[in-house]
Amino acid sequence: MDPGIRNYWRLLFFGLMACSWMPHWSCHYYRLETGSSFVVGSWEFTRFDSVVSLLVYSALILVCLWAIEQAQLRFFAALSSGFLHLAIGSLHIYRLINPFRFEVFGYSWSPQASFREAIIVVPFGLLCLLMAKK
């Protein structure tokens, strides 16, 4: 494959990594705007927890976007995105095996939704780690 095309796809993937954090970011933003609940097991997210989550996701988004231009950030962006996607996916896999309360915007998150989340974020996390290796 032409090195220019390969580099194009690599840069596009970093943009996709940035986009992959937007649903998580927007979940906390919407939760703060509406005052709705977000519960994972016994942890009921406070407003402060969601503000911290917004800051973390914002940092991840910015690092992934900046990594498009700054090659020295690519390893960190891909590694952190990979491990964090795997952590989120693992949480949903664990929930499928040992069900616990998971509530988003005042609604119970179904096992089917956890399954879908796991089959999306785990492979994506692995792709991010593969990208970190390159």
Protein backbone atom coordinates (compact mmCIF):
# COMPACT_ATOMS: atom_id res chain seq x y z
CA MET A 1 0.00 0.00 0.00
CA ASP A 2 1.19 3.49 -0.83
CA PRO A 3 2.76 5.07 2.32
CA GLY A 4 0.75 8.26 1.74
CA ILE A 5 -2.53 6.34 1.73
CA ARG A 6 -1.47 4.34 4.79
CA ASN A 7 -0.68 7.57 6.63
CA TYR A 8 -4.04 9.03 5.55
CA TRP A 9 -5.89 6.07 7.08
CA ARG A 10 -3.80 6.31 10.25
CA LEU A 11 -4.68 9.98 10.65
CA LEU A 12 -8.34 9.27 9.93
CA PHE A 13 -8.28 6.63 12.68
CA PHE A 14 -7.10 9.23 15.21
CA GLY A 15 -10.06 11.37 14.21
CA LEU A 16 -12.29 8.35 14.74
CA MET A 17 -10.70 7.82 18.16
CA ALA A 18 -11.63 11.40 19.08
CA CYS A 19 -15.19 10.82 17.86
CA SER A 20 -15.43 7.59 19.85
CA TRP A 21 -15.33 9.57 23.09
CA MET A 22 -18.15 11.94 22.10
CA PRO A 23 -21.05 9.63 23.14
CA HIS A 24 -19.50 9.28 26.60
CA TRP A 25 -18.89 13.05 26.80
CA SER A 26 -22.40 13.90 25.63
CA CYS A 27 -23.92 11.43 28.10
CA HIS A 28 -22.47 13.38 31.03
CA TYR A 29 -23.24 16.74 29.41
CA TYR A 30 -26.89 15.77 28.90
CA ARG A 31 -27.06 14.33 32.40
CA LEU A 32 -25.83 17.61 33.86
CA GLU A 33 -28.25 19.65 31.75
CA THR A 34 -31.27 17.56 32.69
CA GLY A 35 -30.34 16.60 36.25
CA SER A 36 -31.01 12.97 35.36
CA SER A 37 -29.34 10.01 37.00
CA PHE A 38 -26.30 7.97 36.04
CA VAL A 39 -25.72 4.89 38.18
CA VAL A 40 -23.17 2.11 37.84
CA GLY A 41 -23.66 -0.53 40.53
CA SER A 42 -23.63 1.24 43.86
CA TRP A 43 -21.97 4.36 42.41
CA GLU A 44 -24.50 7.12 41.81
CA PHE A 45 -22.65 9.79 39.86
CA THR A 46 -22.81 13.23 41.43
CA ARG A 47 -22.71 16.45 39.43
CA PHE A 48 -19.03 16.71 40.38
CA ASP A 49 -18.39 13.17 39.07
CA SER A 50 -19.94 14.11 35.75
CA VAL A 51 -17.96 17.36 35.53
CA VAL A 52 -14.76 15.37 36.11
CA SER A 53 -15.90 12.87 33.48
CA LEU A 54 -16.48 15.72 31.03
CA LEU A 55 -12.96 17.01 31.68
CA VAL A 56 -11.41 13.55 31.20
CA TYR A 57 -13.34 12.89 27.99
CA SER A 58 -12.54 16.40 26.73
CA ALA A 59 -8.84 15.75 27.34
CA LEU A 60 -9.04 12.42 25.50
CA ILE A 61 -10.82 14.04 22.55
CA LEU A 62 -8.27 16.87 22.37
CA VAL A 63 -5.28 14.52 22.62
CA CYS A 64 -6.67 12.31 19.84
CA LEU A 65 -7.31 15.33 17.63
CA TRP A 66 -3.93 16.84 18.39
CA ALA A 67 -2.30 13.47 17.61
CA ILE A 68 -3.46 13.87 14.00
CA GLU A 69 -0.93 16.71 13.69
CA GLN A 70 1.61 15.81 16.38
CA ALA A 71 3.15 12.39 15.78
CA GLN A 72 4.74 12.29 19.24
CA LEU A 73 1.25 12.19 20.84
CA ARG A 74 -0.01 9.23 18.80
CA PHE A 75 1.34 6.51 21.06
CA PHE A 76 -0.23 8.06 24.17
CA ALA A 77 -3.53 8.81 22.44
CA ALA A 78 -3.84 5.29 21.03
CA LEU A 79 -2.68 3.57 24.22
CA SER A 80 -4.97 5.54 26.54
CA SER A 81 -7.95 5.20 24.20
CA GLY A 82 -7.30 1.49 23.82
CA PHE A 83 -7.06 0.71 27.50
CA LEU A 84 -10.02 2.92 28.44
CA HIS A 85 -12.24 1.40 25.74
CA LEU A 86 -11.24 -2.05 26.96
CA ALA A 87 -12.08 -1.00 30.53
CA ILE A 88 -15.54 0.22 29.48
CA GLY A 89 -16.12 -2.93 27.43
CA SER A 90 -14.93 -5.13 30.29
CA LEU A 91 -17.37 -3.41 32.64
CA HIS A 92 -20.24 -4.29 30.30
CA ILE A 93 -19.02 -7.87 29.87
CA TYR A 94 -18.78 -8.21 33.65
CA ARG A 95 -22.32 -6.82 33.92
CA LEU A 96 -23.56 -9.51 31.54
CA ILE A 97 -22.01 -12.21 33.73
CA ASN A 98 -22.85 -10.63 37.12
CA PRO A 99 -25.79 -8.24 36.59
CA PHE A 100 -25.77 -5.00 38.54
CA ARG A 101 -27.70 -1.76 38.38
CA PHE A 102 -26.81 0.42 35.42
CA GLU A 103 -28.98 3.47 34.92
CA VAL A 104 -28.61 6.23 32.33
CA PHE A 105 -30.85 9.33 32.33
CA GLY A 106 -33.18 7.65 34.81
CA TYR A 107 -33.65 4.55 32.62
CA SER A 108 -32.32 1.08 33.24
CA TRP A 109 -29.63 0.06 30.74
CA SER A 110 -30.62 -3.32 29.34
CA PRO A 111 -28.38 -6.39 29.11
CA GLN A 112 -28.78 -6.17 25.32
CA ALA A 113 -27.43 -2.62 25.40
CA SER A 114 -24.46 -3.80 27.48
CA PHE A 115 -23.86 -6.58 24.95
CA ARG A 116 -23.92 -4.09 22.06
CA GLU A 117 -21.60 -1.75 23.96
CA ALA A 118 -19.15 -4.59 24.60
CA ILE A 119 -19.07 -5.81 20.99
CA ILE A 120 -18.39 -2.26 19.79
CA VAL A 121 -15.87 -0.93 22.31
CA VAL A 122 -13.76 -4.06 22.95
CA PRO A 123 -12.70 -4.54 19.30
CA PHE A 124 -12.24 -0.80 18.94
CA GLY A 125 -10.04 -0.77 22.05
CA LEU A 126 -7.96 -3.58 20.58
CA LEU A 127 -7.61 -1.61 17.32
CA CYS A 128 -6.43 1.39 19.31
CA LEU A 129 -3.79 -0.75 21.04
CA LEU A 130 -2.72 -2.12 17.67
CA MET A 131 -2.39 1.46 16.44
CA ALA A 132 -0.25 2.29 19.49
CA LYS A 133 2.08 -0.55 18.56
CA LYS A 134 2.72 0.88 15.07
